[in-house]
Amino acid sequence: MLCRLHWLTKEKYSELAKSQRRLMLGILQRKMAKVAPKLRDHLTLVYAIETKHWLVAGTFHEKSITYG
């Protein structure tokens, strides 16, 4: 396990608290707002492939998953 210790100044604590508040309220930052639609589309495609949806059936080849 890695442990990183640093001084938590009042300014750092304030920024951390603000960041946590934004996350809890579900406020997206500009960067995430640009990435979110692409991520959603990718996950939708993966789900369609896994469930062998008729729109993507035959387009993608099955790959076996190996563990280890």
C-alpha atoms as a PDB file:
ATOM      1  CA  MET A   1       0.000   0.000   0.000  1.00  0.00           C
ATOM      2  CA  LEU A   2       1.278   3.446  -0.864  1.00  0.00           C
ATOM      3  CA  CYS A   3       0.708   6.361   1.436  1.00  0.00           C
ATOM      4  CA  ARG A   4       1.391   9.908   0.355  1.00  0.00           C
ATOM      5  CA  LEU A   5       1.631  12.463   3.101  1.00  0.00           C
ATOM      6  CA  HIS A   6       1.623  16.209   2.569  1.00  0.00           C
ATOM      7  CA  TRP A   7       0.763  19.323   4.505  1.00  0.00           C
ATOM      8  CA  LEU A   8      -2.904  20.172   4.215  1.00  0.00           C
ATOM      9  CA  THR A   9      -2.927  23.939   4.197  1.00  0.00           C
ATOM     10  CA  LYS A  10      -6.067  26.004   4.622  1.00  0.00           C
ATOM     11  CA  GLU A  11      -6.049  26.803   0.887  1.00  0.00           C
ATOM     12  CA  LYS A  12      -5.662  23.147  -0.127  1.00  0.00           C
ATOM     13  CA  TYR A  13      -8.413  22.121   2.279  1.00  0.00           C
ATOM     14  CA  SER A  14     -10.699  24.815   0.888  1.00  0.00           C
ATOM     15  CA  GLU A  15     -10.115  23.689  -2.715  1.00  0.00           C
ATOM     16  CA  LEU A  16     -10.610  20.040  -1.735  1.00  0.00           C
ATOM     17  CA  ALA A  17     -13.873  20.871   0.031  1.00  0.00           C
ATOM     18  CA  LYS A  18     -15.125  22.835  -2.992  1.00  0.00           C
ATOM     19  CA  SER A  19     -14.225  19.970  -5.323  1.00  0.00           C
ATOM     20  CA  GLN A  20     -15.984  17.400  -3.136  1.00  0.00           C
ATOM     21  CA  ARG A  21     -19.058  19.640  -2.956  1.00  0.00           C
ATOM     22  CA  ARG A  22     -19.208  19.930  -6.758  1.00  0.00           C
ATOM     23  CA  LEU A  23     -18.950  16.151  -7.063  1.00  0.00           C
ATOM     24  CA  MET A  24     -21.718  15.575  -4.520  1.00  0.00           C
ATOM     25  CA  LEU A  25     -23.993  18.054  -6.267  1.00  0.00           C
ATOM     26  CA  GLY A  26     -23.326  16.418  -9.622  1.00  0.00           C
ATOM     27  CA  ILE A  27     -21.932  19.548 -11.221  1.00  0.00           C
ATOM     28  CA  LEU A  28     -19.905  18.640 -14.282  1.00  0.00           C
ATOM     29  CA  GLN A  29     -16.782  20.507 -15.110  1.00  0.00           C
ATOM     30  CA  ARG A  30     -16.145  21.643 -18.680  1.00  0.00           C
ATOM     31  CA  LYS A  31     -13.711  18.826 -19.326  1.00  0.00           C
ATOM     32  CA  MET A  32     -16.157  16.149 -18.195  1.00  0.00           C
ATOM     33  CA  ALA A  33     -18.978  17.764 -20.149  1.00  0.00           C
ATOM     34  CA  LYS A  34     -16.979  17.198 -23.347  1.00  0.00           C
ATOM     35  CA  VAL A  35     -16.024  13.619 -22.490  1.00  0.00           C
ATOM     36  CA  ALA A  36     -19.348  12.404 -21.096  1.00  0.00           C
ATOM     37  CA  PRO A  37     -21.226  12.039 -24.424  1.00  0.00           C
ATOM     38  CA  LYS A  38     -18.362  10.071 -25.998  1.00  0.00           C
ATOM     39  CA  LEU A  39     -18.119   7.833 -22.942  1.00  0.00           C
ATOM     40  CA  ARG A  40     -21.895   7.255 -22.987  1.00  0.00           C
ATOM     41  CA  ASP A  41     -21.816   6.360 -26.688  1.00  0.00           C
ATOM     42  CA  HIS A  42     -18.914   3.948 -26.166  1.00  0.00           C
ATOM     43  CA  LEU A  43     -20.637   2.211 -23.248  1.00  0.00           C
ATOM     44  CA  THR A  44     -23.872   1.975 -25.222  1.00  0.00           C
ATOM     45  CA  LEU A  45     -22.023   0.320 -28.098  1.00  0.00           C
ATOM     46  CA  VAL A  46     -20.278  -2.118 -25.745  1.00  0.00           C
ATOM     47  CA  TYR A  47     -23.635  -3.054 -24.214  1.00  0.00           C
ATOM     48  CA  ALA A  48     -25.184  -3.560 -27.647  1.00  0.00           C
ATOM     49  CA  ILE A  49     -22.285  -5.817 -28.654  1.00  0.00           C
ATOM     50  CA  GLU A  50     -22.477  -7.855 -25.434  1.00  0.00           C
ATOM     51  CA  THR A  51     -26.231  -8.365 -25.749  1.00  0.00           C
ATOM     52  CA  LYS A  52     -25.901  -9.125 -29.488  1.00  0.00           C
ATOM     53  CA  HIS A  53     -28.347  -6.416 -30.465  1.00  0.00           C
ATOM     54  CA  TRP A  54     -29.624  -6.871 -34.016  1.00  0.00           C
ATOM     55  CA  LEU A  55     -28.200  -3.520 -35.177  1.00  0.00           C
ATOM     56  CA  VAL A  56     -24.620  -4.612 -34.420  1.00  0.00           C
ATOM     57  CA  ALA A  57     -24.948  -8.372 -34.804  1.00  0.00           C
ATOM     58  CA  GLY A  58     -22.284  -9.723 -37.157  1.00  0.00           C
ATOM     59  CA  THR A  59     -20.343  -6.452 -37.178  1.00  0.00           C
ATOM     60  CA  PHE A  60     -18.066  -7.302 -34.257  1.00  0.00           C
ATOM     61  CA  HIS A  61     -16.346 -10.621 -33.645  1.00  0.00           C
ATOM     62  CA  GLU A  62     -16.488 -12.334 -30.265  1.00  0.00           C
ATOM     63  CA  LYS A  63     -13.325 -12.286 -28.221  1.00  0.00           C
ATOM     64  CA  SER A  64     -12.691 -14.655 -25.363  1.00  0.00           C
ATOM     65  CA  ILE A  65     -11.730 -13.224 -22.010  1.00  0.00           C
ATOM     66  CA  THR A  66      -8.810 -14.821 -20.231  1.00  0.00           C
ATOM     67  CA  TYR A  67      -7.947 -14.332 -16.589  1.00  0.00           C
ATOM     68  CA  GLY A  68      -4.571 -14.610 -15.040  1.00  0.00           C
END
